[in-house]
Amino acid sequence: QVQLVESGGGLVQPGGSLKLSCAASGRISSINTMNWYRQAPGRQRELVASITSDGTTNYADSAKGRFTISRDNAKNTVSLQMNSLRPEDTAVYYCNADVSIWSTRTNYWGQGTQVTVSS
């Protein structure tokens, strides 16, 4: 079994910064793509940023230039540095990972961490 545990959410003023972290644990052979999603009240869950095992990144238009995704393959962690936060960034942020256990690939989700941007 694999677990993803997020940390780093909280309340921040507009223009502020937060760094989210996610650690994967369990019987992991390798982790392929790692992603950050978010879901605001009344809205669908959306992809914010992704990073492949070789470090290739992809961002939603709303995150480009403000957010940076990174990972540590040795520690099975992924982070999301969020700068210049806006009220519309308020959401529950979820870590997601495509994990290989031997020859089986499974998608896992974290429990989510709340980010609130408000003055």
C-alpha atoms as a PDB file:
ATOM      1  CA  GLN A   1       0.000   0.000   0.000  1.00  0.00           C
ATOM      2  CA  VAL A   2       1.180   3.504  -0.811  1.00  0.00           C
ATOM      3  CA  GLN A   3       0.364   6.650   1.129  1.00  0.00           C
ATOM      4  CA  LEU A   4       0.715  10.265   0.067  1.00  0.00           C
ATOM      5  CA  VAL A   5       0.788  12.810   2.878  1.00  0.00           C
ATOM      6  CA  GLU A   6       0.572  16.531   2.144  1.00  0.00           C
ATOM      7  CA  SER A   7       1.649  19.368   4.393  1.00  0.00           C
ATOM      8  CA  GLY A   8       2.140  23.111   4.235  1.00  0.00           C
ATOM      9  CA  GLY A   9      -1.334  24.489   3.661  1.00  0.00           C
ATOM     10  CA  GLY A  10      -2.773  27.365   5.615  1.00  0.00           C
ATOM     11  CA  LEU A  11      -4.042  30.916   5.560  1.00  0.00           C
ATOM     12  CA  VAL A  12      -2.051  33.539   3.688  1.00  0.00           C
ATOM     13  CA  GLN A  13      -2.718  37.108   2.598  1.00  0.00           C
ATOM     14  CA  PRO A  14      -2.996  38.010  -1.078  1.00  0.00           C
ATOM     15  CA  GLY A  15       0.467  38.394  -2.572  1.00  0.00           C
ATOM     16  CA  GLY A  16       1.951  36.002  -0.049  1.00  0.00           C
ATOM     17  CA  SER A  17       3.657  32.655  -0.489  1.00  0.00           C
ATOM     18  CA  LEU A  18       3.182  29.082   0.656  1.00  0.00           C
ATOM     19  CA  LYS A  19       5.080  25.880   0.007  1.00  0.00           C
ATOM     20  CA  LEU A  20       3.208  22.597  -0.130  1.00  0.00           C
ATOM     21  CA  SER A  21       4.992  19.306   0.308  1.00  0.00           C
ATOM     22  CA  CYS A  22       3.948  15.730  -0.313  1.00  0.00           C
ATOM     23  CA  ALA A  23       5.740  12.592   0.800  1.00  0.00           C
ATOM     24  CA  ALA A  24       5.033   9.169  -0.634  1.00  0.00           C
ATOM     25  CA  SER A  25       5.661   6.074   1.427  1.00  0.00           C
ATOM     26  CA  GLY A  26       5.080   2.362   1.082  1.00  0.00           C
ATOM     27  CA  ARG A  27       6.186  -0.417  -1.212  1.00  0.00           C
ATOM     28  CA  ILE A  28       7.304   1.767  -4.075  1.00  0.00           C
ATOM     29  CA  SER A  29       9.449   0.634  -6.955  1.00  0.00           C
ATOM     30  CA  SER A  30       9.397   3.979  -8.698  1.00  0.00           C
ATOM     31  CA  ILE A  31       7.226   7.046  -9.084  1.00  0.00           C
ATOM     32  CA  ASN A  32       6.457   8.266 -12.556  1.00  0.00           C
ATOM     33  CA  THR A  33       4.573  11.557 -12.891  1.00  0.00           C
ATOM     34  CA  MET A  34       3.727  13.503  -9.718  1.00  0.00           C
ATOM     35  CA  ASN A  35       1.008  16.122  -9.797  1.00  0.00           C
ATOM     36  CA  TRP A  36      -0.670  18.807  -7.751  1.00  0.00           C
ATOM     37  CA  TYR A  37      -4.401  19.278  -8.233  1.00  0.00           C
ATOM     38  CA  ARG A  38      -6.773  21.658  -6.517  1.00  0.00           C
ATOM     39  CA  GLN A  39     -10.486  21.851  -5.951  1.00  0.00           C
ATOM     40  CA  ALA A  40     -12.330  24.975  -4.937  1.00  0.00           C
ATOM     41  CA  PRO A  41     -15.866  24.846  -3.487  1.00  0.00           C
ATOM     42  CA  GLY A  42     -18.416  24.194  -6.203  1.00  0.00           C
ATOM     43  CA  ARG A  43     -15.773  23.595  -8.843  1.00  0.00           C
ATOM     44  CA  GLN A  44     -14.208  20.563 -10.475  1.00  0.00           C
ATOM     45  CA  ARG A  45     -10.803  19.343  -9.448  1.00  0.00           C
ATOM     46  CA  GLU A  46      -8.165  20.801 -11.760  1.00  0.00           C
ATOM     47  CA  LEU A  47      -4.552  20.063 -12.515  1.00  0.00           C
ATOM     48  CA  VAL A  48      -2.223  22.776 -11.254  1.00  0.00           C
ATOM     49  CA  ALA A  49       1.216  21.386 -12.048  1.00  0.00           C
ATOM     50  CA  SER A  50       2.931  18.139 -12.922  1.00  0.00           C
ATOM     51  CA  ILE A  51       6.493  16.832 -13.009  1.00  0.00           C
ATOM     52  CA  THR A  52       7.840  13.687 -14.617  1.00  0.00           C
ATOM     53  CA  SER A  53      10.537  11.459 -13.184  1.00  0.00           C
ATOM     54  CA  ASP A  54      13.141  13.180 -15.370  1.00  0.00           C
ATOM     55  CA  GLY A  55      12.049  16.625 -14.175  1.00  0.00           C
ATOM     56  CA  THR A  56       9.897  17.793 -17.064  1.00  0.00           C
ATOM     57  CA  THR A  57       7.278  20.188 -15.725  1.00  0.00           C
ATOM     58  CA  ASN A  58       3.896  21.378 -16.894  1.00  0.00           C
ATOM     59  CA  TYR A  59       1.692  24.104 -15.439  1.00  0.00           C
ATOM     60  CA  ALA A  60      -1.860  25.276 -15.727  1.00  0.00           C
ATOM     61  CA  ASP A  61      -2.067  28.740 -17.248  1.00  0.00           C
ATOM     62  CA  SER A  62      -3.222  30.106 -13.889  1.00  0.00           C
ATOM     63  CA  ALA A  63      -0.034  28.798 -12.227  1.00  0.00           C
ATOM     64  CA  LYS A  64       2.561  29.792 -14.814  1.00  0.00           C
ATOM     65  CA  GLY A  65       5.066  32.312 -13.526  1.00  0.00           C
ATOM     66  CA  ARG A  66       3.821  32.054  -9.935  1.00  0.00           C
ATOM     67  CA  PHE A  67       4.070  28.387  -8.931  1.00  0.00           C
ATOM     68  CA  THR A  68       7.051  26.048  -9.111  1.00  0.00           C
ATOM     69  CA  ILE A  69       6.830  22.277  -8.820  1.00  0.00           C
ATOM     70  CA  SER A  70       9.865  20.229  -7.820  1.00  0.00           C
ATOM     71  CA  ARG A  71      10.611  16.715  -6.651  1.00  0.00           C
ATOM     72  CA  ASP A  72      13.233  14.680  -4.861  1.00  0.00           C
ATOM     73  CA  ASN A  73      13.306  11.219  -6.388  1.00  0.00           C
ATOM     74  CA  ALA A  74      15.528   9.827  -3.643  1.00  0.00           C
ATOM     75  CA  LYS A  75      13.034  10.859  -0.966  1.00  0.00           C
ATOM     76  CA  ASN A  76       9.844  10.282  -2.999  1.00  0.00           C
ATOM     77  CA  THR A  77       8.678  13.818  -2.344  1.00  0.00           C
ATOM     78  CA  VAL A  78       7.131  16.560  -4.439  1.00  0.00           C
ATOM     79  CA  SER A  79       6.725  20.211  -3.547  1.00  0.00           C
ATOM     80  CA  LEU A  80       4.782  23.174  -4.860  1.00  0.00           C
ATOM     81  CA  GLN A  81       6.146  26.634  -4.181  1.00  0.00           C
ATOM     82  CA  MET A  82       3.330  29.138  -4.595  1.00  0.00           C
ATOM     83  CA  ASN A  83       4.111  32.834  -4.842  1.00  0.00           C
ATOM     84  CA  SER A  84       1.994  35.907  -5.518  1.00  0.00           C
ATOM     85  CA  LEU A  85      -1.055  34.093  -4.219  1.00  0.00           C
ATOM     86  CA  ARG A  86      -4.496  35.352  -5.131  1.00  0.00           C
ATOM     87  CA  PRO A  87      -7.894  34.819  -3.497  1.00  0.00           C
ATOM     88  CA  GLU A  88      -8.852  32.638  -6.460  1.00  0.00           C
ATOM     89  CA  ASP A  89      -6.073  30.224  -5.486  1.00  0.00           C
ATOM     90  CA  THR A  90      -8.128  29.275  -2.441  1.00  0.00           C
ATOM     91  CA  ALA A  91      -8.827  25.548  -2.649  1.00  0.00           C
ATOM     92  CA  VAL A  92      -8.003  22.150  -1.256  1.00  0.00           C
ATOM     93  CA  TYR A  93      -4.752  21.059  -2.863  1.00  0.00           C
ATOM     94  CA  TYR A  94      -4.167  17.389  -3.567  1.00  0.00           C
ATOM     95  CA  CYS A  95      -0.987  15.495  -4.279  1.00  0.00           C
ATOM     96  CA  ASN A  96      -1.265  12.794  -6.919  1.00  0.00           C
ATOM     97  CA  ALA A  97       1.275  10.234  -8.059  1.00  0.00           C
ATOM     98  CA  ASP A  98       1.573   7.521 -10.671  1.00  0.00           C
ATOM     99  CA  VAL A  99       3.368   4.789  -8.737  1.00  0.00           C
ATOM    100  CA  SER A 100       4.960   1.604  -9.948  1.00  0.00           C
ATOM    101  CA  ILE A 101       5.100  -1.373  -7.626  1.00  0.00           C
ATOM    102  CA  TRP A 102       7.101  -3.935  -9.557  1.00  0.00           C
ATOM    103  CA  SER A 103       5.235  -4.111 -12.908  1.00  0.00           C
ATOM    104  CA  THR A 104       1.953  -2.653 -11.681  1.00  0.00           C
ATOM    105  CA  ARG A 105       1.195   1.064 -12.049  1.00  0.00           C
ATOM    106  CA  THR A 106      -1.413   2.637  -9.799  1.00  0.00           C
ATOM    107  CA  ASN A 107      -2.569   6.190  -9.288  1.00  0.00           C
ATOM    108  CA  TYR A 108      -2.672   7.458  -5.702  1.00  0.00           C
ATOM    109  CA  TRP A 109      -4.089  10.572  -4.041  1.00  0.00           C
ATOM    110  CA  GLY A 110      -3.270  12.365  -0.843  1.00  0.00           C
ATOM    111  CA  GLN A 111      -5.904  13.518   1.609  1.00  0.00           C
ATOM    112  CA  GLY A 112      -5.614  17.161   0.598  1.00  0.00           C
ATOM    113  CA  THR A 113      -4.466  20.310   2.332  1.00  0.00           C
ATOM    114  CA  GLN A 114      -6.442  23.546   2.558  1.00  0.00           C
ATOM    115  CA  VAL A 115      -4.996  26.746   1.138  1.00  0.00           C
ATOM    116  CA  THR A 116      -6.892  29.934   1.911  1.00  0.00           C
ATOM    117  CA  VAL A 117      -5.838  33.266   0.440  1.00  0.00           C
ATOM    118  CA  SER A 118      -7.606  36.098   2.194  1.00  0.00           C
ATOM    119  CA  SER A 119      -6.956  39.406   3.861  1.00  0.00           C
END
